[in-house]
């Protein structure tokens, strides 16, 4: 039986390249592609793949939040991060969200294939080039404390969703519609986000969201 894979990345060229390489593997099949996190979550529920190869910086819903949602509803699915981010914040937050593997986008094909084989065998796989970043839980707690607090510890899941939408240029009404909430509720979330981050303009929130990996430069 083939390993069924979903590719999630907002760059079509990269998806096509990875799909072409995986199609040459006899035991693997790409069953769907997605260019944003929310579509990825929907496809996982619909298709029940074995593996999701997930970018982090995607529009609508980033890869970290998408991973959380996927594993909450489909805990048997394995997620492998394939990202340009080598910063420890992204690696640790992705693993904390439940990803089974983490690779950089400049990795060799063999490394990706090995990662897929590892995770379907219920093992973790971390790219050797970033292995030293993976630290014990004790140090992880230190990293997300004090002056190094990340957006993932400062804001709630819903606040992070709203922040991403705001950074991507959606209006309060549009966000309310997408999340099935009232305009007043979204306005409250926006106020809370600005207060927690001490950032009081949409431009400032956008810069912050890009820096923290909540959204990409090309949403």
N, C-alpha and C. Protein backbone atom coordinates (compact mmCIF):
# COMPACT_ATOMS: atom_id res chain seq x y z
N UNK A 1 0.84 -1.20 0.00
CA UNK A 1 0.00 0.00 0.00
C UNK A 1 0.88 1.26 0.00
N UNK A 2 0.53 2.20 -0.85
CA UNK A 2 1.33 3.40 -0.97
C UNK A 2 1.09 4.38 0.19
N UNK A 3 2.13 5.13 0.51
CA UNK A 3 2.00 6.21 1.49
C UNK A 3 1.33 7.40 0.80
N UNK A 4 0.19 7.82 1.32
CA UNK A 4 -0.60 8.89 0.70
C UNK A 4 -0.19 10.24 1.31
N UNK A 5 0.15 11.18 0.46
CA UNK A 5 0.77 12.43 0.89
C UNK A 5 0.00 13.64 0.39
N UNK A 6 -0.13 14.65 1.24
CA UNK A 6 -0.65 15.95 0.84
C UNK A 6 0.50 16.95 0.91
N UNK A 7 0.66 17.76 -0.13
CA UNK A 7 1.68 18.81 -0.17
C UNK A 7 1.02 20.15 0.12
N UNK A 8 1.53 20.86 1.11
CA UNK A 8 0.99 22.17 1.47
C UNK A 8 2.08 23.22 1.41
N UNK A 9 2.01 24.08 0.40
CA UNK A 9 2.98 25.15 0.23
C UNK A 9 2.36 26.20 -0.68
N UNK A 10 2.58 27.48 -0.38
CA UNK A 10 1.95 28.52 -1.20
C UNK A 10 2.74 28.84 -2.47
N UNK A 11 3.82 28.13 -2.72
CA UNK A 11 4.58 28.31 -3.95
C UNK A 11 4.33 27.11 -4.87
N UNK A 12 3.61 27.36 -5.95
CA UNK A 12 3.21 26.29 -6.86
C UNK A 12 4.41 25.57 -7.45
N UNK A 13 5.45 26.33 -7.79
CA UNK A 13 6.63 25.72 -8.41
C UNK A 13 7.28 24.71 -7.48
N UNK A 14 7.36 25.05 -6.19
CA UNK A 14 7.94 24.11 -5.23
C UNK A 14 7.07 22.86 -5.11
N UNK A 15 5.76 23.05 -5.03
CA UNK A 15 4.86 21.89 -4.93
C UNK A 15 5.03 20.97 -6.14
N UNK A 16 5.09 21.57 -7.32
CA UNK A 16 5.22 20.76 -8.53
C UNK A 16 6.54 20.00 -8.55
N UNK A 17 7.60 20.67 -8.06
CA UNK A 17 8.90 20.01 -8.03
C UNK A 17 8.92 18.83 -7.06
N UNK A 18 8.39 19.04 -5.88
CA UNK A 18 8.35 17.97 -4.88
C UNK A 18 7.45 16.83 -5.36
N UNK A 19 6.31 17.19 -5.95
CA UNK A 19 5.39 16.16 -6.45
C UNK A 19 6.05 15.30 -7.52
N UNK A 20 6.78 15.96 -8.43
CA UNK A 20 7.46 15.22 -9.50
C UNK A 20 8.50 14.25 -8.93
N UNK A 21 9.21 14.70 -7.91
CA UNK A 21 10.23 13.84 -7.30
C UNK A 21 9.60 12.66 -6.56
N UNK A 22 8.51 12.94 -5.82
CA UNK A 22 7.86 11.88 -5.06
C UNK A 22 7.16 10.88 -5.97
N UNK A 23 6.70 11.34 -7.13
CA UNK A 23 6.00 10.45 -8.06
C UNK A 23 6.93 9.37 -8.60
N UNK A 24 8.23 9.60 -8.48
CA UNK A 24 9.20 8.61 -8.94
C UNK A 24 9.44 7.51 -7.90
N UNK A 25 8.88 7.72 -6.70
CA UNK A 25 9.03 6.73 -5.63
C UNK A 25 7.86 5.73 -5.70
N UNK A 26 8.17 4.47 -5.83
CA UNK A 26 7.13 3.46 -6.05
C UNK A 26 6.13 3.34 -4.90
N UNK A 27 6.57 3.67 -3.69
CA UNK A 27 5.68 3.48 -2.54
C UNK A 27 5.00 4.74 -2.07
N UNK A 28 5.01 5.80 -2.88
CA UNK A 28 4.45 7.08 -2.44
C UNK A 28 3.51 7.66 -3.48
N UNK A 29 2.48 8.36 -3.00
CA UNK A 29 1.50 8.96 -3.89
C UNK A 29 1.05 10.30 -3.33
N UNK A 30 1.16 11.36 -4.13
CA UNK A 30 0.65 12.67 -3.74
C UNK A 30 -0.83 12.72 -4.10
N UNK A 31 -1.70 12.78 -3.09
CA UNK A 31 -3.14 12.70 -3.34
C UNK A 31 -3.79 14.08 -3.44
N UNK A 32 -3.09 15.14 -2.98
CA UNK A 32 -3.67 16.48 -3.07
C UNK A 32 -2.60 17.52 -2.78
N UNK A 33 -2.89 18.74 -3.21
CA UNK A 33 -2.01 19.88 -2.94
C UNK A 33 -2.84 21.02 -2.38
N UNK A 34 -2.20 21.87 -1.59
CA UNK A 34 -2.88 23.04 -1.03
C UNK A 34 -1.92 24.21 -0.97
N UNK A 35 -2.45 25.42 -1.13
CA UNK A 35 -1.58 26.59 -1.08
C UNK A 35 -1.85 27.47 0.13
N UNK A 36 -2.66 26.97 1.08
CA UNK A 36 -2.87 27.69 2.34
C UNK A 36 -3.22 26.68 3.42
N UNK A 37 -3.08 27.11 4.66
CA UNK A 37 -3.28 26.19 5.78
C UNK A 37 -4.70 25.72 5.96
N UNK A 38 -5.67 26.61 5.73
CA UNK A 38 -7.07 26.23 5.95
C UNK A 38 -7.52 25.17 4.95
N UNK A 39 -7.08 25.31 3.71
CA UNK A 39 -7.41 24.29 2.71
C UNK A 39 -6.75 22.96 3.07
N UNK A 40 -5.55 23.03 3.60
CA UNK A 40 -4.85 21.81 4.03
C UNK A 40 -5.63 21.07 5.10
N UNK A 41 -6.12 21.81 6.08
CA UNK A 41 -6.92 21.19 7.16
C UNK A 41 -8.15 20.50 6.58
N UNK A 42 -8.82 21.18 5.65
CA UNK A 42 -10.01 20.61 5.01
C UNK A 42 -9.68 19.34 4.23
N UNK A 43 -8.58 19.37 3.48
CA UNK A 43 -8.19 18.21 2.67
C UNK A 43 -7.83 17.00 3.53
N UNK A 44 -7.19 17.27 4.66
CA UNK A 44 -6.85 16.16 5.56
C UNK A 44 -8.10 15.48 6.08
N UNK A 45 -9.10 16.28 6.46
CA UNK A 45 -10.36 15.70 6.94
C UNK A 45 -11.05 14.90 5.85
N UNK A 46 -10.94 15.39 4.62
CA UNK A 46 -11.62 14.74 3.48
C UNK A 46 -10.91 13.50 3.00
N UNK A 47 -9.57 13.53 2.96
CA UNK A 47 -8.80 12.47 2.30
C UNK A 47 -8.06 11.52 3.25
N UNK A 48 -7.90 11.90 4.50
CA UNK A 48 -7.20 11.07 5.49
C UNK A 48 -5.85 10.55 4.96
N UNK A 49 -4.92 11.45 4.66
CA UNK A 49 -3.61 11.01 4.16
C UNK A 49 -2.77 10.40 5.27
N UNK A 50 -1.66 9.82 4.89
CA UNK A 50 -0.71 9.32 5.88
C UNK A 50 0.23 10.43 6.34
N UNK A 51 0.62 11.28 5.39
CA UNK A 51 1.62 12.31 5.67
C UNK A 51 1.20 13.64 5.04
N UNK A 52 1.46 14.73 5.76
CA UNK A 52 1.33 16.07 5.20
C UNK A 52 2.71 16.72 5.22
N UNK A 53 3.17 17.17 4.07
CA UNK A 53 4.42 17.93 3.99
C UNK A 53 4.02 19.39 4.02
N UNK A 54 4.38 20.08 5.09
CA UNK A 54 3.79 21.37 5.43
C UNK A 54 4.80 22.51 5.47
N UNK A 55 4.51 23.56 4.68
CA UNK A 55 5.27 24.80 4.81
C UNK A 55 4.78 25.52 6.06
N UNK A 56 5.56 26.43 6.59
CA UNK A 56 5.13 27.19 7.76
C UNK A 56 4.44 28.49 7.35
N UNK A 57 5.07 29.28 6.49
CA UNK A 57 4.52 30.58 6.11
C UNK A 57 3.58 30.43 4.93
N UNK A 58 2.28 30.32 5.24
CA UNK A 58 1.24 30.23 4.22
C UNK A 58 0.12 31.19 4.55
N UNK A 59 -0.61 31.65 3.54
CA UNK A 59 -1.72 32.57 3.78
C UNK A 59 -2.92 31.89 4.42
N UNK A 60 -3.81 32.71 4.96
CA UNK A 60 -5.09 32.28 5.54
C UNK A 60 -4.93 31.56 6.87
N UNK A 61 -4.04 30.56 6.92
CA UNK A 61 -3.72 29.87 8.17
C UNK A 61 -2.32 29.32 8.01
N UNK A 62 -1.40 29.74 8.90
CA UNK A 62 0.00 29.31 8.74
C UNK A 62 0.17 27.84 9.11
N UNK A 63 1.32 27.30 8.76
CA UNK A 63 1.56 25.88 8.93
C UNK A 63 1.55 25.39 10.36
N UNK A 64 1.96 26.23 11.29
CA UNK A 64 1.97 25.83 12.70
C UNK A 64 0.54 25.66 13.21
N UNK A 65 -0.31 26.64 12.92
CA UNK A 65 -1.70 26.55 13.36
C UNK A 65 -2.43 25.43 12.62
N UNK A 66 -2.13 25.26 11.33
CA UNK A 66 -2.75 24.18 10.57
C UNK A 66 -2.37 22.81 11.15
N UNK A 67 -1.11 22.68 11.54
CA UNK A 67 -0.66 21.42 12.15
C UNK A 67 -1.41 21.14 13.44
N UNK A 68 -1.59 22.16 14.26
CA UNK A 68 -2.35 21.98 15.51
C UNK A 68 -3.76 21.47 15.22
N UNK A 69 -4.42 22.10 14.25
CA UNK A 69 -5.80 21.73 13.94
C UNK A 69 -5.88 20.33 13.34
N UNK A 70 -4.94 20.01 12.46
CA UNK A 70 -4.94 18.69 11.83
C UNK A 70 -4.78 17.59 12.87
N UNK A 71 -3.81 17.75 13.76
CA UNK A 71 -3.52 16.69 14.72
C UNK A 71 -4.55 16.60 15.83
N UNK A 72 -5.29 17.67 16.03
CA UNK A 72 -6.39 17.64 17.00
C UNK A 72 -7.52 16.75 16.50
N UNK A 73 -7.81 16.84 15.20
CA UNK A 73 -8.91 16.06 14.63
C UNK A 73 -8.46 14.75 14.01
N UNK A 74 -7.19 14.69 13.60
CA UNK A 74 -6.66 13.48 12.93
C UNK A 74 -5.29 13.13 13.51
N UNK A 75 -5.24 12.64 14.74
CA UNK A 75 -3.96 12.43 15.42
C UNK A 75 -3.04 11.40 14.78
N UNK A 76 -3.57 10.55 13.90
CA UNK A 76 -2.72 9.54 13.26
C UNK A 76 -1.95 10.08 12.06
N UNK A 77 -2.34 11.23 11.58
CA UNK A 77 -1.64 11.84 10.43
C UNK A 77 -0.27 12.32 10.88
N UNK A 78 0.74 12.13 10.04
CA UNK A 78 2.09 12.61 10.34
C UNK A 78 2.37 13.88 9.54
N UNK A 79 2.89 14.89 10.23
CA UNK A 79 3.20 16.16 9.58
C UNK A 79 4.71 16.34 9.55
N UNK A 80 5.23 16.65 8.36
CA UNK A 80 6.64 16.99 8.20
C UNK A 80 6.72 18.44 7.76
N UNK A 81 7.39 19.27 8.54
CA UNK A 81 7.60 20.66 8.14
C UNK A 81 8.70 20.72 7.08
N UNK A 82 8.42 21.43 5.99
CA UNK A 82 9.42 21.68 4.97
C UNK A 82 9.48 23.19 4.81
N UNK A 83 10.47 23.80 5.43
CA UNK A 83 10.45 25.25 5.60
C UNK A 83 11.79 25.89 5.28
N UNK A 84 11.74 27.18 5.01
CA UNK A 84 12.98 27.95 4.83
C UNK A 84 13.49 28.45 6.18
N UNK A 85 12.66 28.32 7.24
CA UNK A 85 13.01 28.86 8.55
C UNK A 85 13.90 27.90 9.34
N UNK A 86 15.09 28.36 9.69
CA UNK A 86 15.99 27.56 10.53
C UNK A 86 16.08 28.13 11.94
N UNK A 87 15.34 29.19 12.22
CA UNK A 87 15.33 29.81 13.54
C UNK A 87 14.69 28.86 14.55
N UNK A 88 15.26 28.78 15.75
CA UNK A 88 14.78 27.84 16.76
C UNK A 88 13.32 28.06 17.14
N UNK A 89 12.84 29.31 17.06
CA UNK A 89 11.44 29.56 17.41
C UNK A 89 10.49 28.76 16.53
N UNK A 90 10.76 28.79 15.22
CA UNK A 90 9.88 28.09 14.28
C UNK A 90 9.99 26.59 14.44
N UNK A 91 11.20 26.10 14.61
CA UNK A 91 11.41 24.66 14.76
C UNK A 91 10.69 24.15 16.01
N UNK A 92 10.91 24.82 17.12
CA UNK A 92 10.33 24.36 18.38
C UNK A 92 8.81 24.50 18.39
N UNK A 93 8.29 25.58 17.83
CA UNK A 93 6.84 25.75 17.80
C UNK A 93 6.18 24.73 16.89
N UNK A 94 6.83 24.40 15.78
CA UNK A 94 6.28 23.40 14.87
C UNK A 94 6.27 22.02 15.53
N UNK A 95 7.34 21.69 16.21
CA UNK A 95 7.39 20.41 16.91
C UNK A 95 6.42 20.39 18.08
N UNK A 96 6.29 21.52 18.75
CA UNK A 96 5.35 21.61 19.85
C UNK A 96 3.91 21.46 19.36
N UNK A 97 3.66 21.87 18.11
CA UNK A 97 2.33 21.72 17.52
C UNK A 97 2.03 20.27 17.17
N UNK A 98 3.09 19.44 17.15
CA UNK A 98 2.88 18.01 16.91
C UNK A 98 3.53 17.45 15.67
N UNK A 99 4.30 18.27 14.94
CA UNK A 99 4.96 17.77 13.74
C UNK A 99 5.93 16.64 14.10
N UNK A 100 6.02 15.66 13.22
CA UNK A 100 6.92 14.53 13.45
C UNK A 100 8.29 14.73 12.81
N UNK A 101 8.38 15.71 11.92
CA UNK A 101 9.65 15.95 11.25
C UNK A 101 9.81 17.41 10.88
N UNK A 102 11.05 17.81 10.67
CA UNK A 102 11.35 19.19 10.28
C UNK A 102 12.55 19.19 9.34
N UNK A 103 12.33 19.68 8.11
CA UNK A 103 13.39 19.77 7.11
C UNK A 103 13.46 21.19 6.57
N UNK A 104 14.63 21.56 6.09
CA UNK A 104 14.78 22.83 5.40
C UNK A 104 14.57 22.62 3.91
N UNK A 105 14.13 23.68 3.23
CA UNK A 105 13.77 23.55 1.82
C UNK A 105 14.96 23.26 0.91
N UNK A 106 16.15 23.48 1.40
CA UNK A 106 17.32 23.18 0.57
C UNK A 106 17.84 21.76 0.80
N UNK A 107 17.03 20.93 1.45
CA UNK A 107 17.47 19.56 1.73
C UNK A 107 17.51 18.74 0.44
N UNK A 108 18.25 17.66 0.47
CA UNK A 108 18.32 16.74 -0.67
C UNK A 108 17.08 15.86 -0.71
N UNK A 109 16.76 15.33 -1.88
CA UNK A 109 15.60 14.45 -2.03
C UNK A 109 15.69 13.25 -1.09
N UNK A 110 16.88 12.67 -0.98
CA UNK A 110 17.05 11.50 -0.11
C UNK A 110 16.63 11.81 1.32
N UNK A 111 16.91 13.04 1.76
CA UNK A 111 16.57 13.42 3.12
C UNK A 111 15.05 13.46 3.30
N UNK A 112 14.35 14.00 2.31
CA UNK A 112 12.88 14.04 2.37
C UNK A 112 12.30 12.63 2.35
N UNK A 113 12.83 11.79 1.50
CA UNK A 113 12.35 10.40 1.42
C UNK A 113 12.58 9.68 2.75
N UNK A 114 13.75 9.87 3.32
CA UNK A 114 14.06 9.26 4.62
C UNK A 114 13.12 9.77 5.71
N UNK A 115 12.79 11.06 5.64
CA UNK A 115 11.88 11.63 6.63
C UNK A 115 10.50 11.00 6.52
N UNK A 116 10.02 10.82 5.30
CA UNK A 116 8.70 10.21 5.10
C UNK A 116 8.68 8.79 5.62
N UNK A 117 9.71 8.02 5.30
CA UNK A 117 9.79 6.64 5.80
C UNK A 117 9.84 6.61 7.33
N UNK A 118 10.56 7.56 7.91
CA UNK A 118 10.68 7.59 9.37
C UNK A 118 9.35 7.87 10.04
N UNK A 119 8.65 8.89 9.59
CA UNK A 119 7.41 9.28 10.29
C UNK A 119 6.30 8.25 10.13
N UNK A 120 6.23 7.58 8.97
CA UNK A 120 5.20 6.54 8.82
C UNK A 120 5.53 5.32 9.67
N UNK A 121 6.78 5.24 10.11
CA UNK A 121 7.18 4.16 11.03
C UNK A 121 7.14 4.63 12.48
N UNK A 122 6.43 5.76 12.69
CA UNK A 122 6.25 6.33 14.04
C UNK A 122 7.56 6.78 14.68
N UNK A 123 8.49 7.23 13.84
CA UNK A 123 9.72 7.83 14.35
C UNK A 123 9.79 9.28 13.92
N UNK A 124 10.55 10.07 14.64
CA UNK A 124 10.74 11.48 14.28
C UNK A 124 11.92 11.61 13.34
N UNK A 125 11.92 12.71 12.59
CA UNK A 125 13.06 12.97 11.70
C UNK A 125 13.34 14.46 11.67
N UNK A 126 14.53 14.83 12.09
CA UNK A 126 14.96 16.22 12.08
C UNK A 126 16.17 16.34 11.16
N UNK A 127 16.15 17.33 10.30
CA UNK A 127 17.28 17.54 9.40
C UNK A 127 18.57 17.66 10.20
N UNK A 128 19.62 16.92 9.82
CA UNK A 128 20.90 17.00 10.54
C UNK A 128 21.44 18.42 10.64
N UNK A 129 21.12 19.26 9.65
CA UNK A 129 21.64 20.63 9.65
C UNK A 129 21.04 21.49 10.76
N UNK A 130 19.91 21.06 11.32
CA UNK A 130 19.30 21.84 12.39
C UNK A 130 19.12 21.01 13.67
N UNK A 131 19.70 19.83 13.68
CA UNK A 131 19.50 18.93 14.82
C UNK A 131 19.95 19.56 16.14
N UNK A 132 20.99 20.37 16.07
CA UNK A 132 21.50 20.95 17.33
C UNK A 132 20.53 21.94 17.94
N UNK A 133 19.55 22.39 17.14
CA UNK A 133 18.57 23.36 17.65
C UNK A 133 17.55 22.66 18.54
N UNK A 134 17.37 21.37 18.35
CA UNK A 134 16.36 20.64 19.11
C UNK A 134 16.87 20.42 20.54
N UNK A 135 16.21 21.04 21.46
CA UNK A 135 16.68 21.09 22.84
C UNK A 135 15.67 20.41 23.76
N UNK A 136 16.10 20.11 24.97
CA UNK A 136 15.22 19.49 25.94
C UNK A 136 14.07 20.43 26.31
N UNK A 137 12.97 19.85 26.78
CA UNK A 137 11.79 20.63 27.13
C UNK A 137 12.10 21.71 28.15
N UNK A 138 13.04 21.45 29.03
CA UNK A 138 13.40 22.43 30.05
C UNK A 138 13.92 23.71 29.40
N UNK A 139 14.78 23.56 28.40
CA UNK A 139 15.31 24.74 27.74
C UNK A 139 14.26 25.38 26.86
N UNK A 140 13.37 24.57 26.30
CA UNK A 140 12.27 25.12 25.50
C UNK A 140 11.45 26.11 26.32
N UNK A 141 11.15 25.71 27.55
CA UNK A 141 10.37 26.61 28.41
C UNK A 141 11.13 27.90 28.65
N UNK A 142 12.44 27.81 28.75
CA UNK A 142 13.25 29.02 28.96
C UNK A 142 13.19 29.92 27.72
N UNK A 143 13.23 29.31 26.56
CA UNK A 143 13.22 30.09 25.32
C UNK A 143 11.94 30.89 25.17
N UNK A 144 10.80 30.30 25.54
CA UNK A 144 9.54 31.00 25.34
C UNK A 144 9.15 31.82 26.57
N UNK A 145 10.10 32.16 27.39
CA UNK A 145 9.81 32.97 28.55
C UNK A 145 10.57 34.28 28.49
N UNK A 146 10.22 35.14 29.41
CA UNK A 146 10.88 36.43 29.58
C UNK A 146 10.92 37.22 28.28
N UNK A 147 12.08 37.80 27.96
CA UNK A 147 12.16 38.69 26.80
C UNK A 147 12.02 37.96 25.48
N UNK A 148 12.11 36.63 25.49
CA UNK A 148 12.03 35.88 24.24
C UNK A 148 10.64 35.32 23.98
N UNK A 149 9.63 35.84 24.64
CA UNK A 149 8.28 35.36 24.42
C UNK A 149 7.92 35.46 22.94
N UNK A 150 7.40 34.37 22.38
CA UNK A 150 7.01 34.37 20.97
C UNK A 150 5.52 34.64 20.87
N UNK A 151 5.08 34.89 19.63
CA UNK A 151 3.66 35.13 19.39
C UNK A 151 2.84 33.93 19.81
N UNK A 152 3.42 32.73 19.78
CA UNK A 152 2.67 31.53 20.11
C UNK A 152 2.43 31.37 21.61
N UNK A 153 3.17 32.09 22.41
CA UNK A 153 2.92 32.06 23.85
C UNK A 153 2.22 33.33 24.32
N UNK A 154 2.36 34.41 23.57
CA UNK A 154 1.72 35.67 23.95
C UNK A 154 0.24 35.71 23.61
N UNK A 155 -0.12 35.12 22.47
CA UNK A 155 -1.50 35.20 21.98
C UNK A 155 -2.17 33.84 22.01
N UNK A 156 -3.50 33.86 22.14
CA UNK A 156 -4.27 32.63 22.06
C UNK A 156 -4.35 32.16 20.62
N UNK A 157 -4.83 30.94 20.42
CA UNK A 157 -4.97 30.39 19.06
C UNK A 157 -5.87 31.30 18.22
N UNK A 158 -7.00 31.71 18.77
CA UNK A 158 -7.92 32.57 18.02
C UNK A 158 -7.31 33.93 17.73
N UNK A 159 -6.58 34.48 18.69
CA UNK A 159 -5.92 35.77 18.46
C UNK A 159 -4.88 35.67 17.35
N UNK A 160 -4.19 34.55 17.29
CA UNK A 160 -3.21 34.37 16.21
C UNK A 160 -3.88 34.27 14.86
N UNK A 161 -5.04 33.62 14.82
CA UNK A 161 -5.80 33.56 13.58
C UNK A 161 -6.20 34.95 13.12
N UNK A 162 -6.74 35.73 14.05
CA UNK A 162 -7.18 37.09 13.72
C UNK A 162 -5.99 37.94 13.30
N UNK A 163 -4.87 37.80 13.99
CA UNK A 163 -3.66 38.55 13.63
C UNK A 163 -3.24 38.24 12.20
N UNK A 164 -3.26 36.97 11.83
CA UNK A 164 -2.87 36.61 10.46
C UNK A 164 -3.80 37.25 9.44
N UNK A 165 -5.10 37.19 9.70
CA UNK A 165 -6.06 37.82 8.78
C UNK A 165 -5.82 39.32 8.67
N UNK A 166 -5.60 39.98 9.81
CA UNK A 166 -5.35 41.43 9.79
C UNK A 166 -4.10 41.75 8.99
N UNK A 167 -3.05 40.96 9.21
CA UNK A 167 -1.79 41.20 8.52
C UNK A 167 -1.92 40.97 7.01
N UNK A 168 -2.85 40.12 6.62
CA UNK A 168 -3.05 39.82 5.20
C UNK A 168 -4.06 40.75 4.55
N UNK A 169 -4.47 41.79 5.29
CA UNK A 169 -5.28 42.85 4.70
C UNK A 169 -6.78 42.68 4.76
N UNK A 170 -7.27 41.71 5.52
CA UNK A 170 -8.71 41.53 5.61
C UNK A 170 -9.33 42.53 6.58
N UNK A 171 -10.54 42.93 6.28
CA UNK A 171 -11.26 43.85 7.16
C UNK A 171 -11.87 43.07 8.32
N UNK A 172 -12.30 43.81 9.34
CA UNK A 172 -12.93 43.18 10.49
C UNK A 172 -14.18 42.40 10.06
N UNK A 173 -14.95 42.99 9.14
CA UNK A 173 -16.16 42.31 8.66
C UNK A 173 -15.82 41.02 7.93
N UNK A 174 -14.78 41.05 7.12
CA UNK A 174 -14.37 39.85 6.39
C UNK A 174 -13.89 38.76 7.34
N UNK A 175 -13.15 39.16 8.36
CA UNK A 175 -12.66 38.19 9.35
C UNK A 175 -13.82 37.58 10.11
N UNK A 176 -14.77 38.41 10.49
CA UNK A 176 -15.96 37.93 11.21
C UNK A 176 -16.71 36.90 10.38
N UNK A 177 -16.83 37.18 9.09
CA UNK A 177 -17.53 36.26 8.18
C UNK A 177 -16.76 34.93 8.08
N UNK A 178 -15.46 35.01 7.88
CA UNK A 178 -14.64 33.81 7.70
C UNK A 178 -14.63 32.93 8.95
N UNK A 179 -14.63 33.55 10.12
CA UNK A 179 -14.55 32.80 11.38
C UNK A 179 -15.91 32.54 12.02
N UNK A 180 -16.97 33.02 11.36
CA UNK A 180 -18.34 32.84 11.86
C UNK A 180 -18.51 33.45 13.25
N UNK A 181 -17.98 34.65 13.39
CA UNK A 181 -18.09 35.38 14.64
C UNK A 181 -18.67 36.76 14.36
N UNK A 182 -19.05 37.48 15.41
CA UNK A 182 -19.60 38.82 15.22
C UNK A 182 -18.49 39.83 14.99
N UNK A 183 -18.84 40.93 14.36
CA UNK A 183 -17.88 42.01 14.14
C UNK A 183 -17.35 42.52 15.48
N UNK A 184 -18.24 42.65 16.45
CA UNK A 184 -17.84 43.13 17.77
C UNK A 184 -16.80 42.20 18.41
N UNK A 185 -16.98 40.90 18.24
CA UNK A 185 -16.03 39.94 18.80
C UNK A 185 -14.66 40.10 18.15
N UNK A 186 -14.64 40.28 16.84
CA UNK A 186 -13.37 40.45 16.13
C UNK A 186 -12.69 41.75 16.55
N UNK A 187 -13.48 42.81 16.74
CA UNK A 187 -12.92 44.08 17.20
C UNK A 187 -12.28 43.92 18.58
N UNK A 188 -12.92 43.11 19.41
CA UNK A 188 -12.36 42.85 20.75
C UNK A 188 -11.05 42.10 20.64
N UNK A 189 -11.02 41.09 19.75
CA UNK A 189 -9.76 40.36 19.53
C UNK A 189 -8.67 41.30 19.05
N UNK A 190 -9.00 42.18 18.12
CA UNK A 190 -8.01 43.12 17.59
C UNK A 190 -7.47 44.02 18.70
N UNK A 191 -8.35 44.51 19.56
CA UNK A 191 -7.92 45.35 20.67
C UNK A 191 -7.01 44.58 21.61
N UNK A 192 -7.37 43.33 21.91
CA UNK A 192 -6.57 42.51 22.81
C UNK A 192 -5.18 42.23 22.22
N UNK A 193 -5.15 41.95 20.91
CA UNK A 193 -3.87 41.69 20.23
C UNK A 193 -2.96 42.90 20.33
N UNK A 194 -3.52 44.07 20.01
CA UNK A 194 -2.73 45.31 20.04
C UNK A 194 -2.22 45.60 21.45
N UNK A 195 -3.08 45.34 22.44
CA UNK A 195 -2.68 45.60 23.83
C UNK A 195 -1.57 44.65 24.27
N UNK A 196 -1.72 43.37 23.95
CA UNK A 196 -0.73 42.38 24.36
C UNK A 196 0.63 42.62 23.70
N UNK A 197 0.59 43.02 22.44
CA UNK A 197 1.84 43.20 21.70
C UNK A 197 2.38 44.62 21.81
N UNK A 198 1.55 45.52 22.34
CA UNK A 198 1.91 46.94 22.40
C UNK A 198 2.24 47.47 21.01
N UNK A 199 1.42 47.06 20.05
CA UNK A 199 1.51 47.52 18.67
C UNK A 199 0.13 48.03 18.29
N UNK A 200 0.04 49.25 17.83
CA UNK A 200 -1.28 49.86 17.69
C UNK A 200 -1.63 50.32 16.28
N UNK A 201 -0.93 49.78 15.28
CA UNK A 201 -1.27 50.04 13.89
C UNK A 201 -1.28 48.73 13.13
N UNK A 202 -2.07 48.68 12.05
CA UNK A 202 -2.11 47.47 11.22
C UNK A 202 -0.77 47.24 10.54
N UNK A 203 -0.11 48.33 10.14
CA UNK A 203 1.22 48.20 9.53
C UNK A 203 2.19 47.55 10.50
N UNK A 204 2.14 47.98 11.76
CA UNK A 204 3.01 47.40 12.78
C UNK A 204 2.69 45.94 13.02
N UNK A 205 1.38 45.61 13.06
CA UNK A 205 0.99 44.21 13.24
C UNK A 205 1.45 43.35 12.08
N UNK A 206 1.40 43.91 10.88
CA UNK A 206 1.81 43.16 9.69
C UNK A 206 3.30 42.84 9.75
N UNK A 207 4.11 43.83 10.09
CA UNK A 207 5.55 43.61 10.21
C UNK A 207 5.84 42.55 11.28
N UNK A 208 5.14 42.63 12.39
CA UNK A 208 5.33 41.67 13.48
C UNK A 208 4.94 40.26 13.03
N UNK A 209 3.81 40.15 12.34
CA UNK A 209 3.32 38.84 11.90
C UNK A 209 4.28 38.19 10.91
N UNK A 210 4.87 38.98 10.03
CA UNK A 210 5.85 38.46 9.08
C UNK A 210 7.10 37.98 9.81
N UNK A 211 7.57 38.79 10.74
CA UNK A 211 8.78 38.46 11.48
C UNK A 211 8.60 37.18 12.31
N UNK A 212 7.39 36.99 12.85
CA UNK A 212 7.14 35.84 13.71
C UNK A 212 6.69 34.60 12.94
N UNK A 213 6.59 34.73 11.61
CA UNK A 213 6.21 33.57 10.82
C UNK A 213 4.73 33.28 10.79
N UNK A 214 3.91 34.23 11.26
CA UNK A 214 2.46 34.05 11.23
C UNK A 214 1.94 34.11 9.80
N UNK A 215 2.56 34.97 9.00
CA UNK A 215 2.22 35.05 7.58
C UNK A 215 3.50 35.29 6.81
N UNK A 216 3.40 35.19 5.50
CA UNK A 216 4.60 35.33 4.68
C UNK A 216 4.64 36.68 4.02
N UNK A 217 5.75 36.98 3.37
CA UNK A 217 5.89 38.23 2.63
C UNK A 217 5.03 38.24 1.39
N UNK A 218 4.63 37.05 0.95
CA UNK A 218 3.84 36.96 -0.28
C UNK A 218 2.55 36.18 -0.03
N UNK A 219 1.66 36.72 0.81
CA UNK A 219 0.43 36.00 1.13
C UNK A 219 -0.48 35.89 -0.08
